[in-house]
Amino acid sequence: MQDSIFTKIIKGEIPCHKVYEDAHSFSFLDIRPIQPGHVLVVPKKQVCFVWDLESDDYQALMGTVQKIGRRIREVFPEKSRVGVIIEGLDVEDHTHIKVFPFSNDTEFRAVPDPSSETDHTALAEIAQKLRMEDDI
């Protein structure tokens, strides 16, 4: 299997706005966010389906999702909810979990404009606020 875009990000071959990393997972801001603060949580092991992860890796991934969700609530107190989506549509060859703040149905179901220019300055500011100590 060829390295996915996420594996290349984990290896440092592609830059990202990293939020958190531990021995099993890597978390960074999505460059096409559903809402500001949209974090992608990916396992370091490249698998296509979340259900194909070994039990320990799955538990570690979900533990990171929980940490990120709690952190999003701290950083975005004006948002009443934290959404979690496992869909596998954007990067089909590397499972990932989307975690993002929202307050209503419209915000949850927002579809990012793929033609919009990425605001890396804004992403860097959000990443700085969300960043947590790495566990590695």
C-alpha atoms as a PDB file:
ATOM      1  CA  MET A   1       0.000   0.000   0.000  1.00  0.00           C
ATOM      2  CA  GLN A   2       1.323   3.453  -0.900  1.00  0.00           C
ATOM      3  CA  ASP A   3       1.609   6.084   1.790  1.00  0.00           C
ATOM      4  CA  SER A   4      -1.585   8.106   2.126  1.00  0.00           C
ATOM      5  CA  ILE A   5      -1.559  11.887   2.381  1.00  0.00           C
ATOM      6  CA  PHE A   6      -2.065  11.403   6.139  1.00  0.00           C
ATOM      7  CA  THR A   7       0.933   9.086   6.428  1.00  0.00           C
ATOM      8  CA  LYS A   8       2.990  11.712   4.589  1.00  0.00           C
ATOM      9  CA  ILE A   9       1.754  14.361   7.064  1.00  0.00           C
ATOM     10  CA  ILE A  10       2.646  12.118  10.022  1.00  0.00           C
ATOM     11  CA  LYS A  11       6.142  11.568   8.562  1.00  0.00           C
ATOM     12  CA  GLY A  12       6.587  15.337   8.162  1.00  0.00           C
ATOM     13  CA  GLU A  13       6.710  15.168   4.364  1.00  0.00           C
ATOM     14  CA  ILE A  14       3.677  17.470   4.097  1.00  0.00           C
ATOM     15  CA  PRO A  15       3.219  20.406   6.501  1.00  0.00           C
ATOM     16  CA  CYS A  16       0.216  20.622   8.796  1.00  0.00           C
ATOM     17  CA  HIS A  17      -1.159  22.525  11.773  1.00  0.00           C
ATOM     18  CA  LYS A  18      -0.565  19.840  14.399  1.00  0.00           C
ATOM     19  CA  VAL A  19      -2.636  19.824  17.572  1.00  0.00           C
ATOM     20  CA  TYR A  20      -1.618  16.575  19.293  1.00  0.00           C
ATOM     21  CA  GLU A  21       0.430  13.416  18.822  1.00  0.00           C
ATOM     22  CA  ASP A  22       0.992  10.268  20.832  1.00  0.00           C
ATOM     23  CA  ALA A  23       2.401   6.831  20.091  1.00  0.00           C
ATOM     24  CA  HIS A  24      -0.754   5.711  18.260  1.00  0.00           C
ATOM     25  CA  SER A  25      -2.412   8.811  16.814  1.00  0.00           C
ATOM     26  CA  PHE A  26      -1.787  12.157  15.150  1.00  0.00           C
ATOM     27  CA  SER A  27      -4.181  15.137  15.201  1.00  0.00           C
ATOM     28  CA  PHE A  28      -4.129  18.250  13.036  1.00  0.00           C
ATOM     29  CA  LEU A  29      -6.450  20.918  11.671  1.00  0.00           C
ATOM     30  CA  ASP A  30      -8.372  20.230   8.480  1.00  0.00           C
ATOM     31  CA  ILE A  31      -7.462  22.748   5.759  1.00  0.00           C
ATOM     32  CA  ARG A  32     -11.085  22.651   4.537  1.00  0.00           C
ATOM     33  CA  PRO A  33     -12.909  22.818   7.882  1.00  0.00           C
ATOM     34  CA  ILE A  34     -16.592  22.156   8.449  1.00  0.00           C
ATOM     35  CA  GLN A  35     -16.248  24.789  11.210  1.00  0.00           C
ATOM     36  CA  PRO A  36     -13.217  26.637  12.604  1.00  0.00           C
ATOM     37  CA  GLY A  37     -11.481  24.240  14.989  1.00  0.00           C
ATOM     38  CA  HIS A  38     -12.152  21.146  12.849  1.00  0.00           C
ATOM     39  CA  VAL A  39      -9.502  18.582  13.849  1.00  0.00           C
ATOM     40  CA  LEU A  40      -8.656  15.352  12.022  1.00  0.00           C
ATOM     41  CA  VAL A  41      -7.611  12.494  14.279  1.00  0.00           C
ATOM     42  CA  VAL A  42      -5.795   9.730  12.423  1.00  0.00           C
ATOM     43  CA  PRO A  43      -4.163   6.503  13.560  1.00  0.00           C
ATOM     44  CA  LYS A  44      -0.465   6.278  12.852  1.00  0.00           C
ATOM     45  CA  LYS A  45      -1.102   2.851  11.323  1.00  0.00           C
ATOM     46  CA  GLN A  46      -2.518   3.327   7.853  1.00  0.00           C
ATOM     47  CA  VAL A  47      -5.707   1.288   7.483  1.00  0.00           C
ATOM     48  CA  CYS A  48      -8.694   1.933   5.240  1.00  0.00           C
ATOM     49  CA  PHE A  49     -11.437   1.252   7.765  1.00  0.00           C
ATOM     50  CA  VAL A  50     -11.551   2.201  11.437  1.00  0.00           C
ATOM     51  CA  TRP A  51     -12.985  -1.265  12.141  1.00  0.00           C
ATOM     52  CA  ASP A  52      -9.795  -2.868  10.783  1.00  0.00           C
ATOM     53  CA  LEU A  53      -7.644  -1.367  13.547  1.00  0.00           C
ATOM     54  CA  GLU A  54      -6.369  -3.734  16.197  1.00  0.00           C
ATOM     55  CA  SER A  55      -8.328  -3.331  19.425  1.00  0.00           C
ATOM     56  CA  ASP A  56      -5.511  -1.496  21.239  1.00  0.00           C
ATOM     57  CA  ASP A  57      -5.037   0.922  18.338  1.00  0.00           C
ATOM     58  CA  TYR A  58      -8.789   1.524  18.109  1.00  0.00           C
ATOM     59  CA  GLN A  59      -9.030   2.246  21.843  1.00  0.00           C
ATOM     60  CA  ALA A  60      -6.045   4.601  21.642  1.00  0.00           C
ATOM     61  CA  LEU A  61      -7.581   6.425  18.660  1.00  0.00           C
ATOM     62  CA  MET A  62     -10.885   6.904  20.469  1.00  0.00           C
ATOM     63  CA  GLY A  63      -9.027   8.063  23.579  1.00  0.00           C
ATOM     64  CA  THR A  64      -7.427  10.768  21.453  1.00  0.00           C
ATOM     65  CA  VAL A  65     -10.832  11.708  19.999  1.00  0.00           C
ATOM     66  CA  GLN A  66     -12.072  12.169  23.570  1.00  0.00           C
ATOM     67  CA  LYS A  67      -9.055  14.363  24.473  1.00  0.00           C
ATOM     68  CA  ILE A  68      -9.536  16.490  21.360  1.00  0.00           C
ATOM     69  CA  GLY A  69     -13.286  16.812  21.987  1.00  0.00           C
ATOM     70  CA  ARG A  70     -12.694  18.009  25.542  1.00  0.00           C
ATOM     71  CA  ARG A  71     -10.071  20.469  24.353  1.00  0.00           C
ATOM     72  CA  ILE A  72     -12.400  21.840  21.668  1.00  0.00           C
ATOM     73  CA  ARG A  73     -15.041  22.475  24.358  1.00  0.00           C
ATOM     74  CA  GLU A  74     -12.468  24.463  26.373  1.00  0.00           C
ATOM     75  CA  VAL A  75     -11.277  26.537  23.415  1.00  0.00           C
ATOM     76  CA  PHE A  76     -14.708  27.121  21.840  1.00  0.00           C
ATOM     77  CA  PRO A  77     -17.039  27.643  24.837  1.00  0.00           C
ATOM     78  CA  GLU A  78     -19.453  29.626  22.655  1.00  0.00           C
ATOM     79  CA  LYS A  79     -20.274  26.434  20.743  1.00  0.00           C
ATOM     80  CA  SER A  80     -22.775  24.133  22.432  1.00  0.00           C
ATOM     81  CA  ARG A  81     -21.674  20.848  20.847  1.00  0.00           C
ATOM     82  CA  VAL A  82     -18.699  18.898  19.538  1.00  0.00           C
ATOM     83  CA  GLY A  83     -19.349  16.795  16.454  1.00  0.00           C
ATOM     84  CA  VAL A  84     -17.639  13.532  15.565  1.00  0.00           C
ATOM     85  CA  ILE A  85     -17.821  12.028  12.089  1.00  0.00           C
ATOM     86  CA  ILE A  86     -16.252   8.829  10.771  1.00  0.00           C
ATOM     87  CA  GLU A  87     -17.038   8.711   7.071  1.00  0.00           C
ATOM     88  CA  GLY A  88     -13.974   7.774   4.992  1.00  0.00           C
ATOM     89  CA  LEU A  89     -14.939   9.797   1.939  1.00  0.00           C
ATOM     90  CA  ASP A  90     -12.180  12.383   1.558  1.00  0.00           C
ATOM     91  CA  VAL A  91      -9.142  10.135   2.094  1.00  0.00           C
ATOM     92  CA  GLU A  92     -10.350   6.611   1.503  1.00  0.00           C
ATOM     93  CA  ASP A  93      -7.059   4.820   2.112  1.00  0.00           C
ATOM     94  CA  HIS A  94      -6.454   6.074   5.693  1.00  0.00           C
ATOM     95  CA  THR A  95      -9.219   6.058   8.266  1.00  0.00           C
ATOM     96  CA  HIS A  96      -9.763   9.332  10.081  1.00  0.00           C
ATOM     97  CA  ILE A  97     -12.162  10.937  12.513  1.00  0.00           C
ATOM     98  CA  LYS A  98     -13.424  14.501  12.188  1.00  0.00           C
ATOM     99  CA  VAL A  99     -13.932  16.373  15.475  1.00  0.00           C
ATOM    100  CA  PHE A 100     -15.299  19.928  15.380  1.00  0.00           C
ATOM    101  CA  PRO A 101     -17.267  22.534  17.359  1.00  0.00           C
ATOM    102  CA  PHE A 102     -20.800  23.483  16.341  1.00  0.00           C
ATOM    103  CA  SER A 103     -23.999  24.872  17.805  1.00  0.00           C
ATOM    104  CA  ASN A 104     -26.766  23.965  15.379  1.00  0.00           C
ATOM    105  CA  ASP A 105     -27.801  21.692  12.534  1.00  0.00           C
ATOM    106  CA  THR A 106     -26.662  24.157   9.872  1.00  0.00           C
ATOM    107  CA  GLU A 107     -23.145  24.359  11.323  1.00  0.00           C
ATOM    108  CA  PHE A 108     -22.951  20.564  11.687  1.00  0.00           C
ATOM    109  CA  ARG A 109     -23.974  19.948   8.080  1.00  0.00           C
ATOM    110  CA  ALA A 110     -21.870  22.728   6.524  1.00  0.00           C
ATOM    111  CA  VAL A 111     -19.942  21.688   3.436  1.00  0.00           C
ATOM    112  CA  PRO A 112     -16.575  23.396   2.959  1.00  0.00           C
ATOM    113  CA  ASP A 113     -15.931  25.092  -0.376  1.00  0.00           C
ATOM    114  CA  PRO A 114     -13.116  23.077  -2.004  1.00  0.00           C
ATOM    115  CA  SER A 115     -12.159  26.039  -4.198  1.00  0.00           C
ATOM    116  CA  SER A 116     -11.660  28.447  -1.295  1.00  0.00           C
ATOM    117  CA  GLU A 117      -8.163  29.589  -0.401  1.00  0.00           C
ATOM    118  CA  THR A 118      -6.788  28.083   2.831  1.00  0.00           C
ATOM    119  CA  ASP A 119      -6.140  30.723   5.494  1.00  0.00           C
ATOM    120  CA  HIS A 120      -2.991  29.309   7.090  1.00  0.00           C
ATOM    121  CA  THR A 121      -2.632  32.294   9.414  1.00  0.00           C
ATOM    122  CA  ALA A 122      -6.062  31.622  10.929  1.00  0.00           C
ATOM    123  CA  LEU A 123      -5.328  27.883  11.114  1.00  0.00           C
ATOM    124  CA  ALA A 124      -2.016  28.525  12.891  1.00  0.00           C
ATOM    125  CA  GLU A 125      -3.808  30.702  15.471  1.00  0.00           C
ATOM    126  CA  ILE A 126      -6.461  28.050  16.096  1.00  0.00           C
ATOM    127  CA  ALA A 127      -3.835  25.277  16.288  1.00  0.00           C
ATOM    128  CA  GLN A 128      -1.914  27.273  18.884  1.00  0.00           C
ATOM    129  CA  LYS A 129      -5.061  27.533  21.041  1.00  0.00           C
ATOM    130  CA  LEU A 130      -5.920  23.830  20.658  1.00  0.00           C
ATOM    131  CA  ARG A 131      -2.395  22.427  20.942  1.00  0.00           C
ATOM    132  CA  MET A 132      -1.832  19.970  23.774  1.00  0.00           C
ATOM    133  CA  GLU A 133       1.297  18.344  25.153  1.00  0.00           C
ATOM    134  CA  ASP A 134       2.394  15.389  23.049  1.00  0.00           C
ATOM    135  CA  ASP A 135       2.446  12.048  24.820  1.00  0.00           C
ATOM    136  CA  ILE A 136       5.542  10.823  22.965  1.00  0.00           C
END
